[in-house]
Amino acid sequence: MTISSEELESFGERITKLYSELDSGPGYARVDQSEKLAEAARDWFKLASALKEESEGFLTAVHQYEIAMTAVLKATKVRTRASAFRRHLEPFKTSFMDEIVVPLMKHEGSPSQAAARQVESLFAGLLGPEEQAYVSEAARCSAVKCYRAAIVMLWAAAVARLHGDIQRVGFIAYNQAAVDSVKKNGQPFNRITKSINITSLADLQLGRDFDLIAVGIELWKYDLQTFEELNRCLNTRNSAAHPGSFEPASVDVHQFAEKLKRHLFAVVGVSARVN
């Protein structure tokens, strides 16, 4: 879950509105006001959790706002004076913009953050939940300049797509495609593992990534050029995952992501997503 400064600014405006609707006198908050405040508190805990995960420790003030919202949520469980709610919400009204929103805006403006957002936005509308989790992690790795890790996570997203679509079409179909593939002559078919017999996801996870993309020529009917691009991506992933002199930069992560999008995510499992 990636949080933008625009989302936080909107949340701050929401809290300010709730604050202004509360009576400053000795009266009790209405039931509908307590319900809205409870909903806002729960939403804040989700936002705060994502912020702490993504902010690399620079948003040190998040915790004090969690404390304030904890008090708000507890107060919604009993009949509470509106003035008490206003007191708990005071930090959001007076300091939230300066301590949370503006620092995040500045953070988002850094080149590494912009590059990370570009990686994630490349796949907008193309991913399932498991694939999205890997791509989001890749973006976070890229944001902190861990580019080798970002490449590994992007490849994990690709493998998740391959595994997911093989489960969709069925292990029998994949096994038959493997049988038909090994009968063919030349590269890459002569490098496919012989006697592939997948009967479960565990079998699939123990298999070679090379087999997946080579059998994919038969299973998903993409051409040899697409296979070669995917195999280059696999080699890049292997270089990133093992000790060596490979030192990718931000641009390499972006290019790797673009290739996976074009040659895999726009090809494999597309009909399933449309249907």
C-alpha atoms as a PDB file:
ATOM      1  CA  MET A   1       0.000   0.000   0.000  1.00  0.00           C
ATOM      2  CA  THR A   2       1.655   3.232  -1.209  1.00  0.00           C
ATOM      3  CA  ILE A   3       0.521   6.466   0.407  1.00  0.00           C
ATOM      4  CA  SER A   4       0.781   9.799  -1.431  1.00  0.00           C
ATOM      5  CA  SER A   5       0.950  13.266   0.063  1.00  0.00           C
ATOM      6  CA  GLU A   6      -2.322  14.036  -1.744  1.00  0.00           C
ATOM      7  CA  GLU A   7      -4.059  11.237   0.158  1.00  0.00           C
ATOM      8  CA  LEU A   8      -2.677  12.488   3.446  1.00  0.00           C
ATOM      9  CA  GLU A   9      -3.656  16.066   2.692  1.00  0.00           C
ATOM     10  CA  SER A  10      -7.185  14.890   1.910  1.00  0.00           C
ATOM     11  CA  PHE A  11      -7.263  12.930   5.167  1.00  0.00           C
ATOM     12  CA  GLY A  12      -6.114  16.016   7.084  1.00  0.00           C
ATOM     13  CA  GLU A  13      -8.929  18.046   5.525  1.00  0.00           C
ATOM     14  CA  ARG A  14     -11.388  15.331   6.507  1.00  0.00           C
ATOM     15  CA  ILE A  15     -10.239  15.484  10.136  1.00  0.00           C
ATOM     16  CA  THR A  16     -10.366  19.282  10.153  1.00  0.00           C
ATOM     17  CA  LYS A  17     -13.961  19.138   8.939  1.00  0.00           C
ATOM     18  CA  LEU A  18     -14.901  16.644  11.658  1.00  0.00           C
ATOM     19  CA  TYR A  19     -13.172  18.871  14.215  1.00  0.00           C
ATOM     20  CA  SER A  20     -15.083  21.955  13.090  1.00  0.00           C
ATOM     21  CA  GLU A  21     -18.416  20.111  13.302  1.00  0.00           C
ATOM     22  CA  LEU A  22     -17.847  19.277  16.965  1.00  0.00           C
ATOM     23  CA  ASP A  23     -19.383  21.678  19.476  1.00  0.00           C
ATOM     24  CA  SER A  24     -16.764  23.519  21.515  1.00  0.00           C
ATOM     25  CA  GLY A  25     -19.154  23.717  24.478  1.00  0.00           C
ATOM     26  CA  PRO A  26     -19.846  21.192  27.239  1.00  0.00           C
ATOM     27  CA  GLY A  27     -22.263  19.084  25.174  1.00  0.00           C
ATOM     28  CA  TYR A  28     -21.755  15.490  24.147  1.00  0.00           C
ATOM     29  CA  ALA A  29     -20.856  14.424  20.629  1.00  0.00           C
ATOM     30  CA  ARG A  30     -23.738  13.054  18.585  1.00  0.00           C
ATOM     31  CA  VAL A  31     -23.867   9.362  17.713  1.00  0.00           C
ATOM     32  CA  ASP A  32     -23.300  10.055  14.029  1.00  0.00           C
ATOM     33  CA  GLN A  33     -20.248  12.160  14.867  1.00  0.00           C
ATOM     34  CA  SER A  34     -18.787   9.381  17.013  1.00  0.00           C
ATOM     35  CA  GLU A  35     -19.328   6.909  14.180  1.00  0.00           C
ATOM     36  CA  LYS A  36     -17.528   9.157  11.669  1.00  0.00           C
ATOM     37  CA  LEU A  37     -14.664   9.680  14.094  1.00  0.00           C
ATOM     38  CA  ALA A  38     -14.322   5.944  14.701  1.00  0.00           C
ATOM     39  CA  GLU A  39     -14.183   5.333  10.951  1.00  0.00           C
ATOM     40  CA  ALA A  40     -11.562   8.073  10.541  1.00  0.00           C
ATOM     41  CA  ALA A  41      -9.468   6.590  13.362  1.00  0.00           C
ATOM     42  CA  ARG A  42      -9.471   3.152  11.752  1.00  0.00           C
ATOM     43  CA  ASP A  43      -8.494   4.675   8.409  1.00  0.00           C
ATOM     44  CA  TRP A  44      -5.642   6.536  10.082  1.00  0.00           C
ATOM     45  CA  PHE A  45      -4.177   3.360  11.567  1.00  0.00           C
ATOM     46  CA  LYS A  46      -4.029   1.862   8.056  1.00  0.00           C
ATOM     47  CA  LEU A  47      -2.386   4.996   6.671  1.00  0.00           C
ATOM     48  CA  ALA A  48       0.059   5.193   9.573  1.00  0.00           C
ATOM     49  CA  SER A  49       1.109   1.567   9.144  1.00  0.00           C
ATOM     50  CA  ALA A  50       1.872   2.124   5.457  1.00  0.00           C
ATOM     51  CA  LEU A  51       3.652   5.407   6.206  1.00  0.00           C
ATOM     52  CA  LYS A  52       5.974   3.821   8.750  1.00  0.00           C
ATOM     53  CA  GLU A  53       6.807   1.066   6.307  1.00  0.00           C
ATOM     54  CA  GLU A  54       7.585   3.418   3.428  1.00  0.00           C
ATOM     55  CA  SER A  55       9.001   6.527   5.072  1.00  0.00           C
ATOM     56  CA  GLU A  56      12.417   5.054   5.980  1.00  0.00           C
ATOM     57  CA  GLY A  57      12.180   6.610   9.443  1.00  0.00           C
ATOM     58  CA  PHE A  58      12.037  10.268   8.421  1.00  0.00           C
ATOM     59  CA  LEU A  59       8.416  10.726   9.568  1.00  0.00           C
ATOM     60  CA  THR A  60       9.166  10.399  13.246  1.00  0.00           C
ATOM     61  CA  ALA A  61       5.973  12.229  14.252  1.00  0.00           C
ATOM     62  CA  VAL A  62       3.642   9.486  12.998  1.00  0.00           C
ATOM     63  CA  HIS A  63       3.607   7.794  16.401  1.00  0.00           C
ATOM     64  CA  GLN A  64       2.209  10.807  18.242  1.00  0.00           C
ATOM     65  CA  TYR A  65      -0.712  10.944  15.809  1.00  0.00           C
ATOM     66  CA  GLU A  66      -1.327   7.243  16.390  1.00  0.00           C
ATOM     67  CA  ILE A  67      -1.547   7.972  20.106  1.00  0.00           C
ATOM     68  CA  ALA A  68      -4.038  10.771  19.447  1.00  0.00           C
ATOM     69  CA  MET A  69      -6.210   8.560  17.232  1.00  0.00           C
ATOM     70  CA  THR A  70      -6.084   5.717  19.742  1.00  0.00           C
ATOM     71  CA  ALA A  71      -7.598   8.116  22.267  1.00  0.00           C
ATOM     72  CA  VAL A  72     -10.241   9.130  19.727  1.00  0.00           C
ATOM     73  CA  LEU A  73     -11.178   5.512  18.981  1.00  0.00           C
ATOM     74  CA  LYS A  74     -11.428   4.643  22.664  1.00  0.00           C
ATOM     75  CA  ALA A  75     -13.600   7.708  23.266  1.00  0.00           C
ATOM     76  CA  THR A  76     -16.065   6.593  20.586  1.00  0.00           C
ATOM     77  CA  LYS A  77     -16.851   3.492  22.656  1.00  0.00           C
ATOM     78  CA  VAL A  78     -18.535   5.563  25.368  1.00  0.00           C
ATOM     79  CA  ARG A  79     -20.573   8.739  25.559  1.00  0.00           C
ATOM     80  CA  THR A  80     -17.964  11.490  25.203  1.00  0.00           C
ATOM     81  CA  ARG A  81     -18.079  15.257  25.252  1.00  0.00           C
ATOM     82  CA  ALA A  82     -17.394  16.966  21.925  1.00  0.00           C
ATOM     83  CA  SER A  83     -14.700  19.071  23.594  1.00  0.00           C
ATOM     84  CA  ALA A  84     -12.781  15.903  24.512  1.00  0.00           C
ATOM     85  CA  PHE A  85     -12.764  14.791  20.894  1.00  0.00           C
ATOM     86  CA  ARG A  86     -11.572  18.245  19.840  1.00  0.00           C
ATOM     87  CA  ARG A  87      -8.703  18.015  22.307  1.00  0.00           C
ATOM     88  CA  HIS A  88      -7.607  14.634  20.930  1.00  0.00           C
ATOM     89  CA  LEU A  89      -7.822  15.902  17.338  1.00  0.00           C
ATOM     90  CA  GLU A  90      -5.937  19.130  18.012  1.00  0.00           C
ATOM     91  CA  PRO A  91      -2.572  17.825  16.638  1.00  0.00           C
ATOM     92  CA  PHE A  92      -4.235  16.975  13.320  1.00  0.00           C
ATOM     93  CA  LYS A  93      -5.692  20.469  13.079  1.00  0.00           C
ATOM     94  CA  THR A  94      -2.563  22.398  14.063  1.00  0.00           C
ATOM     95  CA  SER A  95       0.491  20.332  13.089  1.00  0.00           C
ATOM     96  CA  PHE A  96      -0.461  17.541  10.684  1.00  0.00           C
ATOM     97  CA  MET A  97       0.359  19.526   7.545  1.00  0.00           C
ATOM     98  CA  ASP A  98       3.781  20.679   8.792  1.00  0.00           C
ATOM     99  CA  GLU A  99       4.878  17.441  10.457  1.00  0.00           C
ATOM    100  CA  ILE A 100       3.461  14.805   8.103  1.00  0.00           C
ATOM    101  CA  VAL A 101       2.180  16.102   4.755  1.00  0.00           C
ATOM    102  CA  VAL A 102       4.919  18.591   3.823  1.00  0.00           C
ATOM    103  CA  PRO A 103       7.834  16.244   4.707  1.00  0.00           C
ATOM    104  CA  LEU A 104       6.223  13.543   2.576  1.00  0.00           C
ATOM    105  CA  MET A 105       5.825  15.997  -0.314  1.00  0.00           C
ATOM    106  CA  LYS A 106       9.539  16.773  -0.152  1.00  0.00           C
ATOM    107  CA  HIS A 107      10.357  13.075   0.029  1.00  0.00           C
ATOM    108  CA  GLU A 108       8.215  12.345  -3.026  1.00  0.00           C
ATOM    109  CA  GLY A 109      10.098  14.998  -4.992  1.00  0.00           C
ATOM    110  CA  SER A 110      13.446  13.213  -4.703  1.00  0.00           C
ATOM    111  CA  PRO A 111      14.665  11.504  -7.922  1.00  0.00           C
ATOM    112  CA  SER A 112      14.797   8.065  -6.298  1.00  0.00           C
ATOM    113  CA  GLN A 113      11.200   8.355  -5.117  1.00  0.00           C
ATOM    114  CA  ALA A 114      10.032   9.562  -8.529  1.00  0.00           C
ATOM    115  CA  ALA A 115      11.771   6.624 -10.211  1.00  0.00           C
ATOM    116  CA  ALA A 116      10.199   4.187  -7.754  1.00  0.00           C
ATOM    117  CA  ARG A 117       6.718   5.546  -8.455  1.00  0.00           C
ATOM    118  CA  GLN A 118       7.334   5.202 -12.188  1.00  0.00           C
ATOM    119  CA  VAL A 119       8.181   1.521 -11.766  1.00  0.00           C
ATOM    120  CA  GLU A 120       4.951   0.850  -9.907  1.00  0.00           C
ATOM    121  CA  SER A 121       2.820   2.961 -12.266  1.00  0.00           C
ATOM    122  CA  LEU A 122       4.086   0.967 -15.274  1.00  0.00           C
ATOM    123  CA  PHE A 123       1.983  -1.996 -14.177  1.00  0.00           C
ATOM    124  CA  ALA A 124      -1.196  -0.091 -13.301  1.00  0.00           C
ATOM    125  CA  GLY A 125      -4.249  -2.255 -14.013  1.00  0.00           C
ATOM    126  CA  LEU A 126      -2.186  -5.309 -15.012  1.00  0.00           C
ATOM    127  CA  LEU A 127      -1.521  -7.060 -11.712  1.00  0.00           C
ATOM    128  CA  GLY A 128      -3.231  -9.437  -9.351  1.00  0.00           C
ATOM    129  CA  PRO A 129      -2.777  -9.069  -5.573  1.00  0.00           C
ATOM    130  CA  GLU A 130       0.258 -11.378  -5.285  1.00  0.00           C
ATOM    131  CA  GLU A 131       1.999  -9.770  -8.258  1.00  0.00           C
ATOM    132  CA  GLN A 132       1.216  -6.292  -6.916  1.00  0.00           C
ATOM    133  CA  ALA A 133       2.855  -7.122  -3.602  1.00  0.00           C
ATOM    134  CA  TYR A 134       6.108  -8.034  -5.355  1.00  0.00           C
ATOM    135  CA  VAL A 135       6.049  -4.949  -7.599  1.00  0.00           C
ATOM    136  CA  SER A 136       5.340  -2.681  -4.617  1.00  0.00           C
ATOM    137  CA  GLU A 137       8.301  -4.230  -2.804  1.00  0.00           C
ATOM    138  CA  ALA A 138      10.447  -3.687  -5.898  1.00  0.00           C
ATOM    139  CA  ALA A 139       9.441  -0.017  -5.918  1.00  0.00           C
ATOM    140  CA  ARG A 140      10.388   0.322  -2.252  1.00  0.00           C
ATOM    141  CA  CYS A 141      13.766  -1.298  -2.957  1.00  0.00           C
ATOM    142  CA  SER A 142      14.344   1.090  -5.848  1.00  0.00           C
ATOM    143  CA  ALA A 143      13.410   4.073  -3.663  1.00  0.00           C
ATOM    144  CA  VAL A 144      16.274   3.259  -1.280  1.00  0.00           C
ATOM    145  CA  LYS A 145      18.645   2.492  -4.184  1.00  0.00           C
ATOM    146  CA  CYS A 146      18.686  -1.276  -3.635  1.00  0.00           C
ATOM    147  CA  TYR A 147      18.486  -1.862  -7.366  1.00  0.00           C
ATOM    148  CA  ARG A 148      19.593  -5.491  -7.408  1.00  0.00           C
ATOM    149  CA  ALA A 149      16.857  -6.337  -4.909  1.00  0.00           C
ATOM    150  CA  ALA A 150      14.336  -4.408  -7.030  1.00  0.00           C
ATOM    151  CA  ILE A 151      15.173  -6.540 -10.068  1.00  0.00           C
ATOM    152  CA  VAL A 152      14.810  -9.757  -8.041  1.00  0.00           C
ATOM    153  CA  MET A 153      11.386  -8.650  -6.780  1.00  0.00           C
ATOM    154  CA  LEU A 154      10.209  -7.711 -10.273  1.00  0.00           C
ATOM    155  CA  TRP A 155      11.178 -11.155 -11.526  1.00  0.00           C
ATOM    156  CA  ALA A 156       9.308 -12.694  -8.576  1.00  0.00           C
ATOM    157  CA  ALA A 157       6.214 -10.831  -9.781  1.00  0.00           C
ATOM    158  CA  ALA A 158       6.764 -12.283 -13.253  1.00  0.00           C
ATOM    159  CA  VAL A 159       7.063 -15.836 -11.901  1.00  0.00           C
ATOM    160  CA  ALA A 160       3.911 -15.293  -9.838  1.00  0.00           C
ATOM    161  CA  ARG A 161       2.094 -14.418 -13.083  1.00  0.00           C
ATOM    162  CA  LEU A 162       3.453 -17.513 -14.839  1.00  0.00           C
ATOM    163  CA  HIS A 163       2.549 -19.806 -11.933  1.00  0.00           C
ATOM    164  CA  GLY A 164      -0.900 -18.263 -11.619  1.00  0.00           C
ATOM    165  CA  ASP A 165      -1.752 -18.733 -15.275  1.00  0.00           C
ATOM    166  CA  ILE A 166      -0.454 -22.296 -15.342  1.00  0.00           C
ATOM    167  CA  GLN A 167      -2.818 -23.061 -12.462  1.00  0.00           C
ATOM    168  CA  ARG A 168      -5.604 -21.400 -14.429  1.00  0.00           C
ATOM    169  CA  VAL A 169      -5.083 -23.428 -17.631  1.00  0.00           C
ATOM    170  CA  GLY A 170      -4.282 -26.557 -15.638  1.00  0.00           C
ATOM    171  CA  PHE A 171      -1.240 -28.701 -14.929  1.00  0.00           C
ATOM    172  CA  ILE A 172      -2.297 -31.191 -17.610  1.00  0.00           C
ATOM    173  CA  ALA A 173      -2.127 -28.463 -20.264  1.00  0.00           C
ATOM    174  CA  TYR A 174       1.287 -27.339 -19.027  1.00  0.00           C
ATOM    175  CA  ASN A 175       2.646 -30.897 -18.946  1.00  0.00           C
ATOM    176  CA  GLN A 176       1.398 -31.509 -22.482  1.00  0.00           C
ATOM    177  CA  ALA A 177       2.989 -28.261 -23.674  1.00  0.00           C
ATOM    178  CA  ALA A 178       6.258 -29.446 -22.101  1.00  0.00           C
ATOM    179  CA  VAL A 179       6.000 -32.814 -23.883  1.00  0.00           C
ATOM    180  CA  ASP A 180       5.342 -31.088 -27.217  1.00  0.00           C
ATOM    181  CA  SER A 181       8.205 -28.659 -26.610  1.00  0.00           C
ATOM    182  CA  VAL A 182      10.910 -31.280 -25.939  1.00  0.00           C
ATOM    183  CA  LYS A 183      10.008 -32.986 -29.240  1.00  0.00           C
ATOM    184  CA  LYS A 184      11.155 -29.918 -31.127  1.00  0.00           C
ATOM    185  CA  ASN A 185      14.708 -29.494 -32.344  1.00  0.00           C
ATOM    186  CA  GLY A 186      17.251 -26.852 -31.461  1.00  0.00           C
ATOM    187  CA  GLN A 187      17.361 -24.026 -28.933  1.00  0.00           C
ATOM    188  CA  PRO A 188      15.712 -23.468 -26.527  1.00  0.00           C
ATOM    189  CA  PHE A 189      13.758 -26.706 -26.680  1.00  0.00           C
ATOM    190  CA  ASN A 190      16.782 -28.981 -26.238  1.00  0.00           C
ATOM    191  CA  ARG A 191      17.475 -27.291 -22.864  1.00  0.00           C
ATOM    192  CA  ILE A 192      14.046 -27.986 -21.352  1.00  0.00           C
ATOM    193  CA  THR A 193      13.996 -30.489 -18.501  1.00  0.00           C
ATOM    194  CA  LYS A 194      12.870 -33.883 -19.776  1.00  0.00           C
ATOM    195  CA  SER A 195       9.789 -35.670 -18.372  1.00  0.00           C
ATOM    196  CA  ILE A 196       8.211 -32.635 -16.711  1.00  0.00           C
ATOM    197  CA  ASN A 197       5.217 -33.787 -14.663  1.00  0.00           C
ATOM    198  CA  ILE A 198       3.671 -31.018 -12.584  1.00  0.00           C
ATOM    199  CA  THR A 199       0.821 -32.055 -10.303  1.00  0.00           C
ATOM    200  CA  SER A 200       0.798 -29.253  -7.726  1.00  0.00           C
ATOM    201  CA  LEU A 201       1.904 -25.688  -7.082  1.00  0.00           C
ATOM    202  CA  ALA A 202       4.746 -27.085  -4.960  1.00  0.00           C
ATOM    203  CA  ASP A 203       6.035 -29.015  -8.013  1.00  0.00           C
ATOM    204  CA  LEU A 204       5.823 -25.842 -10.042  1.00  0.00           C
ATOM    205  CA  GLN A 205       7.746 -23.830  -7.454  1.00  0.00           C
ATOM    206  CA  LEU A 206      10.552 -26.416  -7.459  1.00  0.00           C
ATOM    207  CA  GLY A 207      10.911 -26.211 -11.232  1.00  0.00           C
ATOM    208  CA  ARG A 208      13.318 -24.097 -13.270  1.00  0.00           C
ATOM    209  CA  ASP A 209      12.306 -20.630 -14.372  1.00  0.00           C
ATOM    210  CA  PHE A 210      13.937 -21.367 -17.726  1.00  0.00           C
ATOM    211  CA  ASP A 211      11.501 -24.236 -18.286  1.00  0.00           C
ATOM    212  CA  LEU A 212       8.561 -21.932 -17.621  1.00  0.00           C
ATOM    213  CA  ILE A 213       9.492 -19.401 -20.273  1.00  0.00           C
ATOM    214  CA  ALA A 214      10.681 -22.032 -22.803  1.00  0.00           C
ATOM    215  CA  VAL A 215       7.518 -24.149 -22.490  1.00  0.00           C
ATOM    216  CA  GLY A 216       5.632 -20.852 -22.689  1.00  0.00           C
ATOM    217  CA  ILE A 217       6.401 -20.694 -26.425  1.00  0.00           C
ATOM    218  CA  GLU A 218       4.062 -23.658 -26.822  1.00  0.00           C
ATOM    219  CA  LEU A 219       1.644 -22.888 -24.002  1.00  0.00           C
ATOM    220  CA  TRP A 220       1.076 -19.157 -24.550  1.00  0.00           C
ATOM    221  CA  LYS A 221       2.038 -19.100 -28.244  1.00  0.00           C
ATOM    222  CA  TYR A 222       4.474 -16.213 -28.011  1.00  0.00           C
ATOM    223  CA  ASP A 223       7.336 -16.136 -30.499  1.00  0.00           C
ATOM    224  CA  LEU A 224      11.020 -16.914 -30.157  1.00  0.00           C
ATOM    225  CA  GLN A 225      11.920 -13.230 -29.927  1.00  0.00           C
ATOM    226  CA  THR A 226       9.674 -12.845 -26.874  1.00  0.00           C
ATOM    227  CA  PHE A 227      11.300 -15.892 -25.317  1.00  0.00           C
ATOM    228  CA  GLU A 228      14.756 -14.410 -25.936  1.00  0.00           C
ATOM    229  CA  GLU A 229      13.745 -11.160 -24.247  1.00  0.00           C
ATOM    230  CA  LEU A 230      12.391 -13.073 -21.256  1.00  0.00           C
ATOM    231  CA  ASN A 231      15.520 -15.201 -21.098  1.00  0.00           C
ATOM    232  CA  ARG A 232      17.639 -12.043 -21.028  1.00  0.00           C
ATOM    233  CA  CYS A 233      15.484 -10.833 -18.159  1.00  0.00           C
ATOM    234  CA  LEU A 234      16.064 -14.142 -16.360  1.00  0.00           C
ATOM    235  CA  ASN A 235      19.823 -13.779 -16.850  1.00  0.00           C
ATOM    236  CA  THR A 236      19.643 -10.233 -15.472  1.00  0.00           C
ATOM    237  CA  ARG A 237      17.706 -11.496 -12.474  1.00  0.00           C
ATOM    238  CA  ASN A 238      20.345 -14.183 -11.876  1.00  0.00           C
ATOM    239  CA  SER A 239      23.113 -11.586 -12.039  1.00  0.00           C
ATOM    240  CA  ALA A 240      21.223  -9.446  -9.526  1.00  0.00           C
ATOM    241  CA  ALA A 241      20.585 -12.354  -7.161  1.00  0.00           C
ATOM    242  CA  HIS A 242      24.126 -13.738  -6.983  1.00  0.00           C
ATOM    243  CA  PRO A 243      27.469 -12.264  -5.883  1.00  0.00           C
ATOM    244  CA  GLY A 244      29.344 -10.539  -8.674  1.00  0.00           C
ATOM    245  CA  SER A 245      30.223  -7.241 -10.307  1.00  0.00           C
ATOM    246  CA  PHE A 246      26.716  -6.464 -11.587  1.00  0.00           C
ATOM    247  CA  GLU A 247      25.800  -2.945 -10.430  1.00  0.00           C
ATOM    248  CA  PRO A 248      22.461  -1.873 -11.899  1.00  0.00           C
ATOM    249  CA  ALA A 249      21.239   1.713 -11.692  1.00  0.00           C
ATOM    250  CA  SER A 250      17.741   3.148 -11.480  1.00  0.00           C
ATOM    251  CA  VAL A 251      17.451   3.247 -15.263  1.00  0.00           C
ATOM    252  CA  ASP A 252      18.269  -0.487 -15.437  1.00  0.00           C
ATOM    253  CA  VAL A 253      15.408  -1.272 -13.043  1.00  0.00           C
ATOM    254  CA  HIS A 254      13.024   0.799 -15.142  1.00  0.00           C
ATOM    255  CA  GLN A 255      14.116  -0.893 -18.373  1.00  0.00           C
ATOM    256  CA  PHE A 256      13.806  -4.321 -16.756  1.00  0.00           C
ATOM    257  CA  ALA A 257      10.274  -3.469 -15.625  1.00  0.00           C
ATOM    258  CA  GLU A 258       9.335  -2.220 -19.094  1.00  0.00           C
ATOM    259  CA  LYS A 259      10.551  -5.447 -20.707  1.00  0.00           C
ATOM    260  CA  LEU A 260       8.570  -7.597 -18.270  1.00  0.00           C
ATOM    261  CA  LYS A 261       5.476  -5.526 -18.876  1.00  0.00           C
ATOM    262  CA  ARG A 262       5.758  -5.738 -22.658  1.00  0.00           C
ATOM    263  CA  HIS A 263       6.858  -9.344 -23.048  1.00  0.00           C
ATOM    264  CA  LEU A 264       5.152 -11.052 -20.112  1.00  0.00           C
ATOM    265  CA  PHE A 265       2.411  -9.138 -18.292  1.00  0.00           C
ATOM    266  CA  ALA A 266       0.864  -7.937 -21.561  1.00  0.00           C
ATOM    267  CA  VAL A 267       0.989 -11.497 -22.977  1.00  0.00           C
ATOM    268  CA  VAL A 268       0.498 -14.129 -20.251  1.00  0.00           C
ATOM    269  CA  GLY A 269      -2.825 -14.337 -18.420  1.00  0.00           C
ATOM    270  CA  VAL A 270      -4.359 -11.365 -20.217  1.00  0.00           C
ATOM    271  CA  SER A 271      -7.479 -13.243 -21.352  1.00  0.00           C
ATOM    272  CA  ALA A 272      -8.123 -14.379 -17.767  1.00  0.00           C
ATOM    273  CA  ARG A 273      -8.040 -10.776 -16.512  1.00  0.00           C
ATOM    274  CA  VAL A 274     -10.346  -9.599 -19.295  1.00  0.00           C
ATOM    275  CA  ASN A 275     -12.818 -12.384 -18.567  1.00  0.00           C
END
